[in-house]
């Protein structure tokens, strides 16, 4: 691990290479990238824990929500009240058009 003088030399070299205006922007982007990476890693750990059947979150009442119950096919189909659905007309040999 670098000591006090080594850090000063590293900072001086960075200032010479990138300039004083670019360093805050670079530090901000590195910090934002680290936050995104940390969040993604936490999400992966949570997904792995759910797959194994354990929950790593604390303070939640219910970790895994139950699947919604399915409705019967007749109840889930939209009901057309009023006019009946149009029926296709057959075109036979005897039709006059």
C-alpha atoms as a PDB file:
ATOM      1  CA  UNK A   1       0.000   0.000   0.000  1.00  0.00           C
ATOM      2  CA  UNK A   2       1.435   3.371  -0.964  1.00  0.00           C
ATOM      3  CA  UNK A   3       2.437   5.741   1.820  1.00  0.00           C
ATOM      4  CA  UNK A   4       2.122   9.538   2.045  1.00  0.00           C
ATOM      5  CA  UNK A   5       4.841  10.511  -0.449  1.00  0.00           C
ATOM      6  CA  UNK A   6       3.793   7.852  -2.940  1.00  0.00           C
ATOM      7  CA  UNK A   7       0.223   9.219  -2.968  1.00  0.00           C
ATOM      8  CA  UNK A   8       1.528  12.714  -3.626  1.00  0.00           C
ATOM      9  CA  UNK A   9       3.581  11.473  -6.574  1.00  0.00           C
ATOM     10  CA  UNK A  10       0.596   9.538  -7.978  1.00  0.00           C
ATOM     11  CA  UNK A  11      -1.675  12.605  -7.657  1.00  0.00           C
ATOM     12  CA  UNK A  12       0.949  14.836  -9.297  1.00  0.00           C
ATOM     13  CA  UNK A  13       1.302  12.442 -12.242  1.00  0.00           C
ATOM     14  CA  UNK A  14      -2.492  12.268 -12.645  1.00  0.00           C
ATOM     15  CA  UNK A  15      -2.716  16.058 -12.622  1.00  0.00           C
ATOM     16  CA  UNK A  16      -0.049  16.294 -15.296  1.00  0.00           C
ATOM     17  CA  UNK A  17      -1.655  13.633 -17.473  1.00  0.00           C
ATOM     18  CA  UNK A  18      -5.319  14.613 -17.259  1.00  0.00           C
ATOM     19  CA  UNK A  19      -5.420  18.173 -15.962  1.00  0.00           C
ATOM     20  CA  UNK A  20      -7.252  19.652 -12.987  1.00  0.00           C
ATOM     21  CA  UNK A  21     -10.599  19.957 -14.795  1.00  0.00           C
ATOM     22  CA  UNK A  22     -10.844  16.298 -15.824  1.00  0.00           C
ATOM     23  CA  UNK A  23      -9.986  14.735 -12.445  1.00  0.00           C
ATOM     24  CA  UNK A  24     -13.288  15.564 -10.657  1.00  0.00           C
ATOM     25  CA  UNK A  25     -15.273  14.254 -13.633  1.00  0.00           C
ATOM     26  CA  UNK A  26     -13.237  11.054 -13.675  1.00  0.00           C
ATOM     27  CA  UNK A  27     -13.608  10.568  -9.915  1.00  0.00           C
ATOM     28  CA  UNK A  28     -17.375  11.101 -10.190  1.00  0.00           C
ATOM     29  CA  UNK A  29     -17.712   8.544 -12.979  1.00  0.00           C
ATOM     30  CA  UNK A  30     -15.577   6.000 -11.092  1.00  0.00           C
ATOM     31  CA  UNK A  31     -17.764   6.463  -7.991  1.00  0.00           C
ATOM     32  CA  UNK A  32     -20.951   6.068 -10.008  1.00  0.00           C
ATOM     33  CA  UNK A  33     -19.596   2.930 -11.681  1.00  0.00           C
ATOM     34  CA  UNK A  34     -18.665   1.481  -8.282  1.00  0.00           C
ATOM     35  CA  UNK A  35     -22.218   2.112  -6.983  1.00  0.00           C
ATOM     36  CA  UNK A  36     -23.774   0.430 -10.027  1.00  0.00           C
ATOM     37  CA  UNK A  37     -21.405  -2.524  -9.711  1.00  0.00           C
ATOM     38  CA  UNK A  38     -22.166  -2.900  -5.998  1.00  0.00           C
ATOM     39  CA  UNK A  39     -25.918  -2.801  -6.671  1.00  0.00           C
ATOM     40  CA  UNK A  40     -25.639  -5.430  -9.403  1.00  0.00           C
ATOM     41  CA  UNK A  41     -23.579  -7.711  -7.156  1.00  0.00           C
ATOM     42  CA  UNK A  42     -26.179  -7.371  -4.380  1.00  0.00           C
ATOM     43  CA  UNK A  43     -28.908  -8.203  -6.886  1.00  0.00           C
ATOM     44  CA  UNK A  44     -27.045 -11.317  -8.014  1.00  0.00           C
ATOM     45  CA  UNK A  45     -26.585 -12.450  -4.405  1.00  0.00           C
ATOM     46  CA  UNK A  46     -30.294 -11.918  -3.723  1.00  0.00           C
ATOM     47  CA  UNK A  47     -31.205 -13.902  -6.852  1.00  0.00           C
ATOM     48  CA  UNK A  48     -28.923 -16.757  -5.795  1.00  0.00           C
ATOM     49  CA  UNK A  49     -30.414 -16.749  -2.300  1.00  0.00           C
ATOM     50  CA  UNK A  50     -33.965 -16.864  -3.696  1.00  0.00           C
ATOM     51  CA  UNK A  51     -33.011 -19.728  -5.995  1.00  0.00           C
ATOM     52  CA  UNK A  52     -31.737 -21.702  -3.016  1.00  0.00           C
ATOM     53  CA  UNK A  53     -34.895 -20.948  -1.059  1.00  0.00           C
ATOM     54  CA  UNK A  54     -33.368 -18.628   1.512  1.00  0.00           C
ATOM     55  CA  UNK A  55     -33.819 -14.907   1.821  1.00  0.00           C
ATOM     56  CA  UNK A  56     -31.023 -12.485   2.670  1.00  0.00           C
ATOM     57  CA  UNK A  57     -33.206  -9.397   3.014  1.00  0.00           C
ATOM     58  CA  UNK A  58     -34.012  -8.298   6.535  1.00  0.00           C
ATOM     59  CA  UNK A  59     -37.221  -6.624   7.615  1.00  0.00           C
ATOM     60  CA  UNK A  60     -39.507  -7.822   4.852  1.00  0.00           C
ATOM     61  CA  UNK A  61     -42.718  -9.538   5.799  1.00  0.00           C
ATOM     62  CA  UNK A  62     -42.819 -11.829   2.823  1.00  0.00           C
ATOM     63  CA  UNK A  63     -39.723 -12.461   0.732  1.00  0.00           C
ATOM     64  CA  UNK A  64     -41.306 -14.329  -2.179  1.00  0.00           C
ATOM     65  CA  UNK A  65     -44.780 -13.355  -3.308  1.00  0.00           C
ATOM     66  CA  UNK A  66     -47.107 -16.255  -4.074  1.00  0.00           C
ATOM     67  CA  UNK A  67     -48.181 -16.724  -7.658  1.00  0.00           C
ATOM     68  CA  UNK A  68     -51.614 -15.282  -8.438  1.00  0.00           C
ATOM     69  CA  UNK A  69     -54.392 -17.803  -8.756  1.00  0.00           C
ATOM     70  CA  UNK A  70     -55.489 -18.467 -12.296  1.00  0.00           C
ATOM     71  CA  UNK A  71     -59.053 -17.767 -13.287  1.00  0.00           C
ATOM     72  CA  UNK A  72     -61.104 -20.343 -15.159  1.00  0.00           C
ATOM     73  CA  UNK A  73     -61.069 -19.958 -18.938  1.00  0.00           C
ATOM     74  CA  UNK A  74     -64.690 -18.797 -19.089  1.00  0.00           C
ATOM     75  CA  UNK A  75     -64.143 -16.103 -16.470  1.00  0.00           C
ATOM     76  CA  UNK A  76     -60.989 -14.767 -18.081  1.00  0.00           C
ATOM     77  CA  UNK A  77     -62.520 -14.476 -21.571  1.00  0.00           C
ATOM     78  CA  UNK A  78     -64.106 -11.086 -22.277  1.00  0.00           C
ATOM     79  CA  UNK A  79     -67.885 -11.166 -22.278  1.00  0.00           C
ATOM     80  CA  UNK A  80     -69.508  -9.600 -25.339  1.00  0.00           C
ATOM     81  CA  UNK A  81     -72.880  -8.369 -24.177  1.00  0.00           C
ATOM     82  CA  UNK A  82     -75.236  -6.791 -26.622  1.00  0.00           C
ATOM     83  CA  UNK A  83     -74.841  -7.703 -30.263  1.00  0.00           C
ATOM     84  CA  UNK A  84     -73.685 -11.184 -31.281  1.00  0.00           C
ATOM     85  CA  UNK A  85     -70.372 -11.804 -32.997  1.00  0.00           C
ATOM     86  CA  UNK A  86     -70.561 -11.715 -36.823  1.00  0.00           C
ATOM     87  CA  UNK A  87     -70.676 -15.135 -38.458  1.00  0.00           C
ATOM     88  CA  UNK A  88     -68.660 -15.817 -41.620  1.00  0.00           C
ATOM     89  CA  UNK A  89     -70.849 -16.322 -44.666  1.00  0.00           C
ATOM     90  CA  UNK A  90     -70.412 -19.396 -46.790  1.00  0.00           C
ATOM     91  CA  UNK A  91     -70.055 -18.925 -50.529  1.00  0.00           C
ATOM     92  CA  UNK A  92     -71.456 -21.865 -52.306  1.00  0.00           C
ATOM     93  CA  UNK A  93     -72.122 -22.671 -55.955  1.00  0.00           C
ATOM     94  CA  UNK A  94     -75.702 -21.433 -55.742  1.00  0.00           C
ATOM     95  CA  UNK A  95     -75.070 -17.977 -54.277  1.00  0.00           C
ATOM     96  CA  UNK A  96     -76.012 -15.013 -56.417  1.00  0.00           C
ATOM     97  CA  UNK A  97     -73.369 -12.299 -56.432  1.00  0.00           C
END
